[in-house]
PDB file of N, CA and C in Angstrom:
ATOM      1  N   MET A   1     -20.709  35.947 -44.602  1.00  0.00           N
ATOM      2  CA  MET A   1     -19.773  35.792 -45.713  1.00  0.00           C
ATOM      3  C   MET A   1     -18.470  36.468 -45.348  1.00  0.00           C
ATOM      4  N   VAL A   2     -17.372  35.790 -45.625  1.00  0.00           N
ATOM      5  CA  VAL A   2     -16.027  36.337 -45.351  1.00  0.00           C
ATOM      6  C   VAL A   2     -15.237  36.321 -46.652  1.00  0.00           C
ATOM      7  N   THR A   3     -14.584  37.419 -46.985  1.00  0.00           N
ATOM      8  CA  THR A   3     -13.723  37.453 -48.165  1.00  0.00           C
ATOM      9  C   THR A   3     -12.290  37.562 -47.660  1.00  0.00           C
ATOM     10  N   LEU A   4     -11.478  36.571 -48.042  1.00  0.00           N
ATOM     11  CA  LEU A   4     -10.074  36.493 -47.609  1.00  0.00           C
ATOM     12  C   LEU A   4      -9.271  37.499 -48.369  1.00  0.00           C
ATOM     13  N   PRO A   5      -8.053  37.840 -47.876  1.00  0.00           N
ATOM     14  CA  PRO A   5      -7.175  38.760 -48.556  1.00  0.00           C
ATOM     15  C   PRO A   5      -6.855  38.385 -50.012  1.00  0.00           C
ATOM     16  N   ASP A   6      -6.849  37.094 -50.315  1.00  0.00           N
ATOM     17  CA  ASP A   6      -6.550  36.678 -51.696  1.00  0.00           C
ATOM     18  C   ASP A   6      -7.787  36.647 -52.588  1.00  0.00           C
ATOM     19  N   GLY A   7      -8.895  37.182 -52.074  1.00  0.00           N
ATOM     20  CA  GLY A   7     -10.114  37.300 -52.882  1.00  0.00           C
ATOM     21  C   GLY A   7     -11.100  36.121 -52.803  1.00  0.00           C
ATOM     22  N   VAL A   8     -10.712  35.096 -52.105  1.00  0.00           N
ATOM     23  CA  VAL A   8     -11.564  33.931 -51.978  1.00  0.00           C
ATOM     24  C   VAL A   8     -12.722  34.316 -50.988  1.00  0.00           C
ATOM     25  N   THR A   9     -13.923  33.982 -51.356  1.00  0.00           N
ATOM     26  CA  THR A   9     -15.068  34.267 -50.468  1.00  0.00           C
ATOM     27  C   THR A   9     -15.563  33.003 -49.800  1.00  0.00           C
ATOM     28  N   LEU A  10     -15.745  33.067 -48.487  1.00  0.00           N
ATOM     29  CA  LEU A  10     -16.294  31.974 -47.721  1.00  0.00           C
ATOM     30  C   LEU A  10     -17.693  32.389 -47.294  1.00  0.00           C
ATOM     31  N   HIS A  11     -18.652  31.514 -47.448  1.00  0.00           N
ATOM     32  CA  HIS A  11     -20.004  31.801 -47.000  1.00  0.00           C
ATOM     33  C   HIS A  11     -20.252  31.094 -45.694  1.00  0.00           C
ATOM     34  N   ASN A  12     -20.678  31.832 -44.699  1.00  0.00           N
ATOM     35  CA  ASN A  12     -20.982  31.245 -43.411  1.00  0.00           C
ATOM     36  C   ASN A  12     -22.327  30.584 -43.464  1.00  0.00           C
ATOM     37  N   ALA A  13     -22.404  29.299 -43.232  1.00  0.00           N
ATOM     38  CA  ALA A  13     -23.667  28.597 -43.292  1.00  0.00           C
ATOM     39  C   ALA A  13     -24.580  28.937 -42.064  1.00  0.00           C
ATOM     40  N   PHE A  14     -24.047  29.556 -41.047  1.00  0.00           N
ATOM     41  CA  PHE A  14     -24.800  29.910 -39.850  1.00  0.00           C
ATOM     42  C   PHE A  14     -24.576  31.384 -39.585  1.00  0.00           C
ATOM     43  N   PRO A  15     -25.260  32.294 -40.367  1.00  0.00           N
ATOM     44  CA  PRO A  15     -25.034  33.717 -40.215  1.00  0.00           C
ATOM     45  C   PRO A  15     -25.462  34.278 -38.890  1.00  0.00           C
ATOM     46  N   ASP A  16     -26.345  33.555 -38.137  1.00  0.00           N
ATOM     47  CA  ASP A  16     -26.762  34.073 -36.813  1.00  0.00           C
ATOM     48  C   ASP A  16     -25.822  33.648 -35.717  1.00  0.00           C
ATOM     49  N   ARG A  17     -24.853  32.846 -35.976  1.00  0.00           N
ATOM     50  CA  ARG A  17     -23.900  32.397 -34.983  1.00  0.00           C
ATOM     51  C   ARG A  17     -22.728  33.360 -34.900  1.00  0.00           C
ATOM     52  N   ARG A  18     -22.059  33.433 -33.732  1.00  0.00           N
ATOM     53  CA  ARG A  18     -20.978  34.350 -33.552  1.00  0.00           C
ATOM     54  C   ARG A  18     -19.650  33.844 -34.104  1.00  0.00           C
ATOM     55  N   PHE A  19     -19.623  32.612 -34.594  1.00  0.00           N
ATOM     56  CA  PHE A  19     -18.374  32.019 -35.036  1.00  0.00           C
ATOM     57  C   PHE A  19     -18.198  32.190 -36.581  1.00  0.00           C
ATOM     58  N   LYS A  20     -16.989  32.352 -36.993  1.00  0.00           N
ATOM     59  CA  LYS A  20     -16.672  32.437 -38.413  1.00  0.00           C
ATOM     60  C   LYS A  20     -16.211  31.031 -38.839  1.00  0.00           C
ATOM     61  N   PRO A  21     -16.152  30.747 -40.168  1.00  0.00           N
ATOM     62  CA  PRO A  21     -15.737  29.440 -40.613  1.00  0.00           C
ATOM     63  C   PRO A  21     -14.292  29.069 -40.192  1.00  0.00           C
ATOM     64  N   LEU A  22     -14.081  27.810 -39.886  1.00  0.00           N
ATOM     65  CA  LEU A  22     -12.791  27.283 -39.621  1.00  0.00           C
ATOM     66  C   LEU A  22     -12.003  27.266 -40.979  1.00  0.00           C
ATOM     67  N   ARG A  23     -10.772  27.736 -40.923  1.00  0.00           N
ATOM     68  CA  ARG A  23     -10.003  27.744 -42.152  1.00  0.00           C
ATOM     69  C   ARG A  23      -8.671  27.084 -41.900  1.00  0.00           C
ATOM     70  N   LEU A  24      -8.191  26.310 -42.874  1.00  0.00           N
ATOM     71  CA  LEU A  24      -6.862  25.738 -42.912  1.00  0.00           C
ATOM     72  C   LEU A  24      -6.081  26.383 -44.026  1.00  0.00           C
ATOM     73  N   ALA A  25      -4.869  26.720 -43.768  1.00  0.00           N
ATOM     74  CA  ALA A  25      -3.988  27.371 -44.786  1.00  0.00           C
ATOM     75  C   ALA A  25      -2.630  26.734 -44.704  1.00  0.00           C
ATOM     76  N   TYR A  26      -2.125  26.312 -45.826  1.00  0.00           N
ATOM     77  CA  TYR A  26      -0.823  25.693 -45.865  1.00  0.00           C
ATOM     78  C   TYR A  26       0.126  26.568 -46.648  1.00  0.00           C
ATOM     79  N   ASP A  27       1.336  26.800 -46.119  1.00  0.00           N
ATOM     80  CA  ASP A  27       2.352  27.648 -46.762  1.00  0.00           C
ATOM     81  C   ASP A  27       3.512  26.717 -47.171  1.00  0.00           C
ATOM     82  N   PRO A  28       3.638  26.418 -48.471  1.00  0.00           N
ATOM     83  CA  PRO A  28       4.692  25.479 -48.873  1.00  0.00           C
ATOM     84  C   PRO A  28       6.128  26.044 -48.696  1.00  0.00           C
ATOM     85  N   GLU A  29       6.257  27.346 -48.685  1.00  0.00           N
ATOM     86  CA  GLU A  29       7.600  27.916 -48.495  1.00  0.00           C
ATOM     87  C   GLU A  29       8.121  27.704 -47.076  1.00  0.00           C
ATOM     88  N   THR A  30       7.241  27.710 -46.083  1.00  0.00           N
ATOM     89  CA  THR A  30       7.662  27.494 -44.700  1.00  0.00           C
ATOM     90  C   THR A  30       7.273  26.141 -44.197  1.00  0.00           C
ATOM     91  N   ASP A  31       6.491  25.338 -45.017  1.00  0.00           N
ATOM     92  CA  ASP A  31       5.995  24.027 -44.626  1.00  0.00           C
ATOM     93  C   ASP A  31       5.220  24.123 -43.334  1.00  0.00           C
ATOM     94  N   SER A  32       4.313  25.130 -43.260  1.00  0.00           N
ATOM     95  CA  SER A  32       3.506  25.250 -42.082  1.00  0.00           C
ATOM     96  C   SER A  32       2.041  25.224 -42.382  1.00  0.00           C
ATOM     97  N   LEU A  33       1.287  24.583 -41.556  1.00  0.00           N
ATOM     98  CA  LEU A  33      -0.166  24.531 -41.654  1.00  0.00           C
ATOM     99  C   LEU A  33      -0.788  25.339 -40.541  1.00  0.00           C
ATOM    100  N   TYR A  34      -1.595  26.337 -40.951  1.00  0.00           N
ATOM    101  CA  TYR A  34      -2.184  27.209 -39.943  1.00  0.00           C
ATOM    102  C   TYR A  34      -3.680  26.936 -39.882  1.00  0.00           C
ATOM    103  N   ILE A  35      -4.197  26.706 -38.669  1.00  0.00           N
ATOM    104  CA  ILE A  35      -5.614  26.477 -38.455  1.00  0.00           C
ATOM    105  C   ILE A  35      -6.192  27.766 -37.875  1.00  0.00           C
ATOM    106  N   HIS A  36      -6.992  28.465 -38.644  1.00  0.00           N
ATOM    107  CA  HIS A  36      -7.598  29.684 -38.228  1.00  0.00           C
ATOM    108  C   HIS A  36      -8.901  29.388 -37.528  1.00  0.00           C
ATOM    109  N   LEU A  37      -8.918  29.747 -36.238  1.00  0.00           N
ATOM    110  CA  LEU A  37     -10.124  29.464 -35.416  1.00  0.00           C
ATOM    111  C   LEU A  37     -11.004  30.731 -35.311  1.00  0.00           C
ATOM    112  N   SER A  38     -10.421  31.881 -35.694  1.00  0.00           N
ATOM    113  CA  SER A  38     -11.087  33.136 -35.565  1.00  0.00           C
ATOM    114  C   SER A  38     -10.488  34.131 -36.548  1.00  0.00           C
ATOM    115  N   GLU A  39     -11.248  35.226 -36.839  1.00  0.00           N
ATOM    116  CA  GLU A  39     -10.740  36.291 -37.658  1.00  0.00           C
ATOM    117  C   GLU A  39      -9.980  37.316 -36.758  1.00  0.00           C
ATOM    118  N   ARG A  40     -10.038  37.150 -35.446  1.00  0.00           N
ATOM    119  CA  ARG A  40      -9.383  38.162 -34.581  1.00  0.00           C
ATOM    120  C   ARG A  40      -7.845  38.001 -34.681  1.00  0.00           C
ATOM    121  N   ALA A  41      -7.190  39.125 -34.507  1.00  0.00           N
ATOM    122  CA  ALA A  41      -5.731  39.174 -34.659  1.00  0.00           C
ATOM    123  C   ALA A  41      -5.067  38.449 -33.448  1.00  0.00           C
ATOM    124  N   SER A  42      -3.957  37.843 -33.732  1.00  0.00           N
ATOM    125  CA  SER A  42      -3.121  37.225 -32.691  1.00  0.00           C
ATOM    126  C   SER A  42      -2.181  38.270 -32.105  1.00  0.00           C
ATOM    127  N   VAL A  43      -2.157  38.303 -30.723  1.00  0.00           N
ATOM    128  CA  VAL A  43      -1.204  39.234 -30.117  1.00  0.00           C
ATOM    129  C   VAL A  43      -0.233  38.520 -29.180  1.00  0.00           C
ATOM    130  N   ASP A  44      -0.448  37.201 -28.996  1.00  0.00           N
ATOM    131  CA  ASP A  44       0.476  36.444 -28.109  1.00  0.00           C
ATOM    132  C   ASP A  44       0.505  35.016 -28.620  1.00  0.00           C
ATOM    133  N   SER A  45       1.607  34.378 -28.438  1.00  0.00           N
ATOM    134  CA  SER A  45       1.810  32.991 -28.895  1.00  0.00           C
ATOM    135  C   SER A  45       2.490  32.193 -27.798  1.00  0.00           C
ATOM    136  N   ASN A  46       2.254  30.876 -27.836  1.00  0.00           N
ATOM    137  CA  ASN A  46       2.853  29.934 -26.908  1.00  0.00           C
ATOM    138  C   ASN A  46       3.201  28.672 -27.617  1.00  0.00           C
ATOM    139  N   GLU A  47       4.467  28.317 -27.695  1.00  0.00           N
ATOM    140  CA  GLU A  47       4.887  27.090 -28.313  1.00  0.00           C
ATOM    141  C   GLU A  47       4.742  25.976 -27.337  1.00  0.00           C
ATOM    142  N   ILE A  48       3.705  25.104 -27.523  1.00  0.00           N
ATOM    143  CA  ILE A  48       3.395  24.078 -26.562  1.00  0.00           C
ATOM    144  C   ILE A  48       4.167  22.777 -26.746  1.00  0.00           C
ATOM    145  N   ALA A  49       4.733  22.629 -27.981  1.00  0.00           N
ATOM    146  CA  ALA A  49       5.567  21.517 -28.306  1.00  0.00           C
ATOM    147  C   ALA A  49       6.463  21.957 -29.431  1.00  0.00           C
ATOM    148  N   ASP A  50       7.507  21.231 -29.737  1.00  0.00           N
ATOM    149  CA  ASP A  50       8.370  21.612 -30.841  1.00  0.00           C
ATOM    150  C   ASP A  50       7.610  21.775 -32.119  1.00  0.00           C
ATOM    151  N   GLY A  51       7.542  23.016 -32.603  1.00  0.00           N
ATOM    152  CA  GLY A  51       6.869  23.290 -33.858  1.00  0.00           C
ATOM    153  C   GLY A  51       5.356  23.378 -33.832  1.00  0.00           C
ATOM    154  N   VAL A  52       4.776  23.442 -32.623  1.00  0.00           N
ATOM    155  CA  VAL A  52       3.318  23.574 -32.439  1.00  0.00           C
ATOM    156  C   VAL A  52       3.103  24.858 -31.633  1.00  0.00           C
ATOM    157  N   VAL A  53       2.532  25.842 -32.305  1.00  0.00           N
ATOM    158  CA  VAL A  53       2.361  27.183 -31.664  1.00  0.00           C
ATOM    159  C   VAL A  53       0.902  27.539 -31.586  1.00  0.00           C
ATOM    160  N   LEU A  54       0.462  27.939 -30.405  1.00  0.00           N
ATOM    161  CA  LEU A  54      -0.888  28.389 -30.223  1.00  0.00           C
ATOM    162  C   LEU A  54      -0.906  29.940 -30.230  1.00  0.00           C
ATOM    163  N   ASP A  55      -1.843  30.533 -30.925  1.00  0.00           N
ATOM    164  CA  ASP A  55      -1.949  32.011 -31.002  1.00  0.00           C
ATOM    165  C   ASP A  55      -3.200  32.447 -30.268  1.00  0.00           C
ATOM    166  N   PHE A  56      -3.050  33.565 -29.519  1.00  0.00           N
ATOM    167  CA  PHE A  56      -4.117  34.075 -28.704  1.00  0.00           C
ATOM    168  C   PHE A  56      -4.447  35.567 -29.019  1.00  0.00           C
ATOM    169  N   ASP A  57      -5.676  35.973 -28.832  1.00  0.00           N
ATOM    170  CA  ASP A  57      -6.014  37.377 -29.033  1.00  0.00           C
ATOM    171  C   ASP A  57      -5.791  38.194 -27.739  1.00  0.00           C
ATOM    172  N   THR A  58      -6.227  39.442 -27.733  1.00  0.00           N
ATOM    173  CA  THR A  58      -6.018  40.313 -26.591  1.00  0.00           C
ATOM    174  C   THR A  58      -6.695  39.813 -25.288  1.00  0.00           C
ATOM    175  N   ALA A  59      -7.779  39.065 -25.465  1.00  0.00           N
ATOM    176  CA  ALA A  59      -8.473  38.506 -24.301  1.00  0.00           C
ATOM    177  C   ALA A  59      -7.980  37.178 -23.828  1.00  0.00           C
ATOM    178  N   GLY A  60      -6.950  36.686 -24.541  1.00  0.00           N
ATOM    179  CA  GLY A  60      -6.388  35.376 -24.167  1.00  0.00           C
ATOM    180  C   GLY A  60      -7.128  34.199 -24.788  1.00  0.00           C
ATOM    181  N   VAL A  61      -7.984  34.471 -25.754  1.00  0.00           N
ATOM    182  CA  VAL A  61      -8.784  33.417 -26.420  1.00  0.00           C
ATOM    183  C   VAL A  61      -7.957  32.843 -27.593  1.00  0.00           C
ATOM    184  N   LEU A  62      -7.937  31.524 -27.718  1.00  0.00           N
ATOM    185  CA  LEU A  62      -7.222  30.847 -28.808  1.00  0.00           C
ATOM    186  C   LEU A  62      -7.829  31.256 -30.155  1.00  0.00           C
ATOM    187  N   VAL A  63      -6.977  31.790 -31.050  1.00  0.00           N
ATOM    188  CA  VAL A  63      -7.486  32.182 -32.364  1.00  0.00           C
ATOM    189  C   VAL A  63      -6.856  31.409 -33.479  1.00  0.00           C
ATOM    190  N   GLY A  64      -5.792  30.699 -33.218  1.00  0.00           N
ATOM    191  CA  GLY A  64      -5.123  29.904 -34.275  1.00  0.00           C
ATOM    192  C   GLY A  64      -4.103  28.901 -33.739  1.00  0.00           C
ATOM    193  N   ILE A  65      -3.806  27.971 -34.597  1.00  0.00           N
ATOM    194  CA  ILE A  65      -2.786  26.934 -34.273  1.00  0.00           C
ATOM    195  C   ILE A  65      -1.852  26.831 -35.473  1.00  0.00           C
ATOM    196  N   ASP A  66      -0.538  26.980 -35.219  1.00  0.00           N
ATOM    197  CA  ASP A  66       0.451  26.944 -36.260  1.00  0.00           C
ATOM    198  C   ASP A  66       1.198  25.613 -36.079  1.00  0.00           C
ATOM    199  N   LEU A  67       1.155  24.772 -37.118  1.00  0.00           N
ATOM    200  CA  LEU A  67       1.847  23.490 -37.119  1.00  0.00           C
ATOM    201  C   LEU A  67       3.033  23.639 -38.092  1.00  0.00           C
ATOM    202  N   GLN A  68       4.191  23.781 -37.543  1.00  0.00           N
ATOM    203  CA  GLN A  68       5.398  23.943 -38.366  1.00  0.00           C
ATOM    204  C   GLN A  68       5.918  22.571 -38.800  1.00  0.00           C
ATOM    205  N   HIS A  69       6.577  22.508 -39.973  1.00  0.00           N
ATOM    206  CA  HIS A  69       7.105  21.281 -40.548  1.00  0.00           C
ATOM    207  C   HIS A  69       5.951  20.294 -40.775  1.00  0.00           C
ATOM    208  N   ALA A  70       4.856  20.812 -41.255  1.00  0.00           N
ATOM    209  CA  ALA A  70       3.594  20.041 -41.375  1.00  0.00           C
ATOM    210  C   ALA A  70       3.745  18.803 -42.193  1.00  0.00           C
ATOM    211  N   SER A  71       4.489  18.854 -43.342  1.00  0.00           N
ATOM    212  CA  SER A  71       4.637  17.687 -44.215  1.00  0.00           C
ATOM    213  C   SER A  71       5.446  16.543 -43.589  1.00  0.00           C
ATOM    214  N   LYS A  72       6.159  16.852 -42.555  1.00  0.00           N
ATOM    215  CA  LYS A  72       6.939  15.802 -41.804  1.00  0.00           C
ATOM    216  C   LYS A  72       6.096  15.198 -40.709  1.00  0.00           C
ATOM    217  N   ARG A  73       4.962  15.811 -40.402  1.00  0.00           N
ATOM    218  CA  ARG A  73       4.113  15.335 -39.305  1.00  0.00           C
ATOM    219  C   ARG A  73       2.863  14.544 -39.794  1.00  0.00           C
ATOM    220  N   ALA A  74       2.441  14.930 -41.025  1.00  0.00           N
ATOM    221  CA  ALA A  74       1.182  14.333 -41.550  1.00  0.00           C
ATOM    222  C   ALA A  74       1.202  14.374 -43.051  1.00  0.00           C
ATOM    223  N   ASP A  75       0.314  13.583 -43.655  1.00  0.00           N
ATOM    224  CA  ASP A  75       0.126  13.591 -45.111  1.00  0.00           C
ATOM    225  C   ASP A  75      -0.748  14.817 -45.472  1.00  0.00           C
ATOM    226  N   ILE A  76      -0.098  15.915 -45.846  1.00  0.00           N
ATOM    227  CA  ILE A  76      -0.774  17.106 -46.107  1.00  0.00           C
ATOM    228  C   ILE A  76      -1.454  17.181 -47.452  1.00  0.00           C
ATOM    229  N   GLU A  77      -1.254  16.117 -48.269  1.00  0.00           N
ATOM    230  CA  GLU A  77      -1.884  16.091 -49.584  1.00  0.00           C
ATOM    231  C   GLU A  77      -3.288  15.518 -49.507  1.00  0.00           C
ATOM    232  N   ARG A  78      -3.721  15.104 -48.346  1.00  0.00           N
ATOM    233  CA  ARG A  78      -5.073  14.572 -48.143  1.00  0.00           C
ATOM    234  C   ARG A  78      -5.703  15.209 -46.926  1.00  0.00           C
ATOM    235  N   LEU A  79      -6.968  15.456 -47.047  1.00  0.00           N
ATOM    236  CA  LEU A  79      -7.772  15.986 -45.913  1.00  0.00           C
ATOM    237  C   LEU A  79      -8.990  15.082 -45.781  1.00  0.00           C
ATOM    238  N   VAL A  80      -9.108  14.502 -44.622  1.00  0.00           N
ATOM    239  CA  VAL A  80     -10.234  13.605 -44.319  1.00  0.00           C
ATOM    240  C   VAL A  80     -11.088  14.342 -43.248  1.00  0.00           C
ATOM    241  N   VAL A  81     -12.332  14.504 -43.544  1.00  0.00           N
ATOM    242  CA  VAL A  81     -13.276  15.168 -42.635  1.00  0.00           C
ATOM    243  C   VAL A  81     -14.247  14.097 -42.169  1.00  0.00           C
ATOM    244  N   SER A  82     -14.358  13.930 -40.854  1.00  0.00           N
ATOM    245  CA  SER A  82     -15.202  12.860 -40.280  1.00  0.00           C
ATOM    246  C   SER A  82     -16.014  13.425 -39.142  1.00  0.00           C
ATOM    247  N   ARG A  83     -17.325  13.140 -39.221  1.00  0.00           N
ATOM    248  CA  ARG A  83     -18.253  13.526 -38.170  1.00  0.00           C
ATOM    249  C   ARG A  83     -18.215  15.023 -37.800  1.00  0.00           C
ATOM    250  N   VAL A  84     -18.055  15.840 -38.799  1.00  0.00           N
ATOM    251  CA  VAL A  84     -18.067  17.276 -38.632  1.00  0.00           C
ATOM    252  C   VAL A  84     -19.446  17.772 -39.089  1.00  0.00           C
ATOM    253  N   PRO A  85     -20.205  18.414 -38.181  1.00  0.00           N
ATOM    254  CA  PRO A  85     -21.560  18.820 -38.532  1.00  0.00           C
ATOM    255  C   PRO A  85     -21.628  20.114 -39.357  1.00  0.00           C
ATOM    256  N   PHE A  86     -21.042  20.114 -40.503  1.00  0.00           N
ATOM    257  CA  PHE A  86     -21.074  21.312 -41.325  1.00  0.00           C
ATOM    258  C   PHE A  86     -22.091  21.179 -42.431  1.00  0.00           C
ATOM    259  N   HIS A  87     -22.542  22.311 -42.925  1.00  0.00           N
ATOM    260  CA  HIS A  87     -23.546  22.336 -43.958  1.00  0.00           C
ATOM    261  C   HIS A  87     -22.953  22.819 -45.287  1.00  0.00           C
ATOM    262  N   GLU A  88     -21.726  23.317 -45.245  1.00  0.00           N
ATOM    263  CA  GLU A  88     -21.135  23.879 -46.461  1.00  0.00           C
ATOM    264  C   GLU A  88     -19.641  23.679 -46.341  1.00  0.00           C
ATOM    265  N   MET A  89     -19.011  23.352 -47.470  1.00  0.00           N
ATOM    266  CA  MET A  89     -17.576  23.198 -47.493  1.00  0.00           C
ATOM    267  C   MET A  89     -17.074  23.911 -48.769  1.00  0.00           C
ATOM    268  N   VAL A  90     -16.081  24.817 -48.578  1.00  0.00           N
ATOM    269  CA  VAL A  90     -15.526  25.578 -49.651  1.00  0.00           C
ATOM    270  C   VAL A  90     -14.078  25.217 -49.742  1.00  0.00           C
ATOM    271  N   ALA A  91     -13.587  24.886 -50.905  1.00  0.00           N
ATOM    272  CA  ALA A  91     -12.165  24.510 -51.028  1.00  0.00           C
ATOM    273  C   ALA A  91     -11.547  25.184 -52.255  1.00  0.00           C
ATOM    274  N   ARG A  92     -10.324  25.603 -52.111  1.00  0.00           N
ATOM    275  CA  ARG A  92      -9.548  26.110 -53.231  1.00  0.00           C
ATOM    276  C   ARG A  92      -8.313  25.250 -53.327  1.00  0.00           C
ATOM    277  N   LEU A  93      -8.137  24.534 -54.358  1.00  0.00           N
ATOM    278  CA  LEU A  93      -7.089  23.582 -54.509  1.00  0.00           C
ATOM    279  C   LEU A  93      -5.895  24.190 -55.210  1.00  0.00           C
ATOM    280  N   THR A  94      -4.721  23.877 -54.731  1.00  0.00           N
ATOM    281  CA  THR A  94      -3.482  24.244 -55.399  1.00  0.00           C
ATOM    282  C   THR A  94      -2.845  22.889 -55.728  1.00  0.00           C
ATOM    283  N   LEU A  95      -2.878  22.606 -57.044  1.00  0.00           N
ATOM    284  CA  LEU A  95      -2.331  21.313 -57.441  1.00  0.00           C
ATOM    285  C   LEU A  95      -0.848  21.425 -57.682  1.00  0.00           C
ATOM    286  N   GLN A  96      -0.080  20.509 -57.096  1.00  0.00           N
ATOM    287  CA  GLN A  96       1.332  20.445 -57.229  1.00  0.00           C
ATOM    288  C   GLN A  96       1.731  19.034 -57.689  1.00  0.00           C
ATOM    289  N   PRO A  97       2.793  18.939 -58.539  1.00  0.00           N
ATOM    290  CA  PRO A  97       3.169  17.614 -59.004  1.00  0.00           C
ATOM    291  C   PRO A  97       3.651  16.790 -57.855  1.00  0.00           C
ATOM    292  N   ARG A  98       3.344  15.528 -57.923  1.00  0.00           N
ATOM    293  CA  ARG A  98       3.828  14.582 -56.887  1.00  0.00           C
ATOM    294  C   ARG A  98       5.288  14.313 -57.088  1.00  0.00           C
ATOM    295  N   LEU A  99       5.999  14.152 -56.003  1.00  0.00           N
ATOM    296  CA  LEU A  99       7.413  13.817 -56.041  1.00  0.00           C
ATOM    297  C   LEU A  99       7.581  12.280 -56.087  1.00  0.00           C
ATOM    298  N   GLY A 100       8.521  11.834 -56.801  1.00  0.00           N
ATOM    299  CA  GLY A 100       8.854  10.419 -56.809  1.00  0.00           C
ATOM    300  C   GLY A 100       8.215   9.748 -57.892  1.00  0.00           C
TER     301      GLY A 100
END
């Protein structure tokens, strides 16, 4: 089980595995989508393409991916999950009015 800083609790469906749940976090103020691959802190970053930043821990292991200008790259109002072998999905929705 992981409790995020904002108080949301995620339950790991595989407590015997060394991996934590994959998390996606969107920041509307910066229009960035962050893919958390690990709970380990990032100490180094590498921008591999314009607005796509990979974050690494002290061992050089990829811990996150920052996609800047996310709403200009993809439809961030929808999430489609396909062929992902998960046993539990936890979601916290932030509803925003549609534009237009």
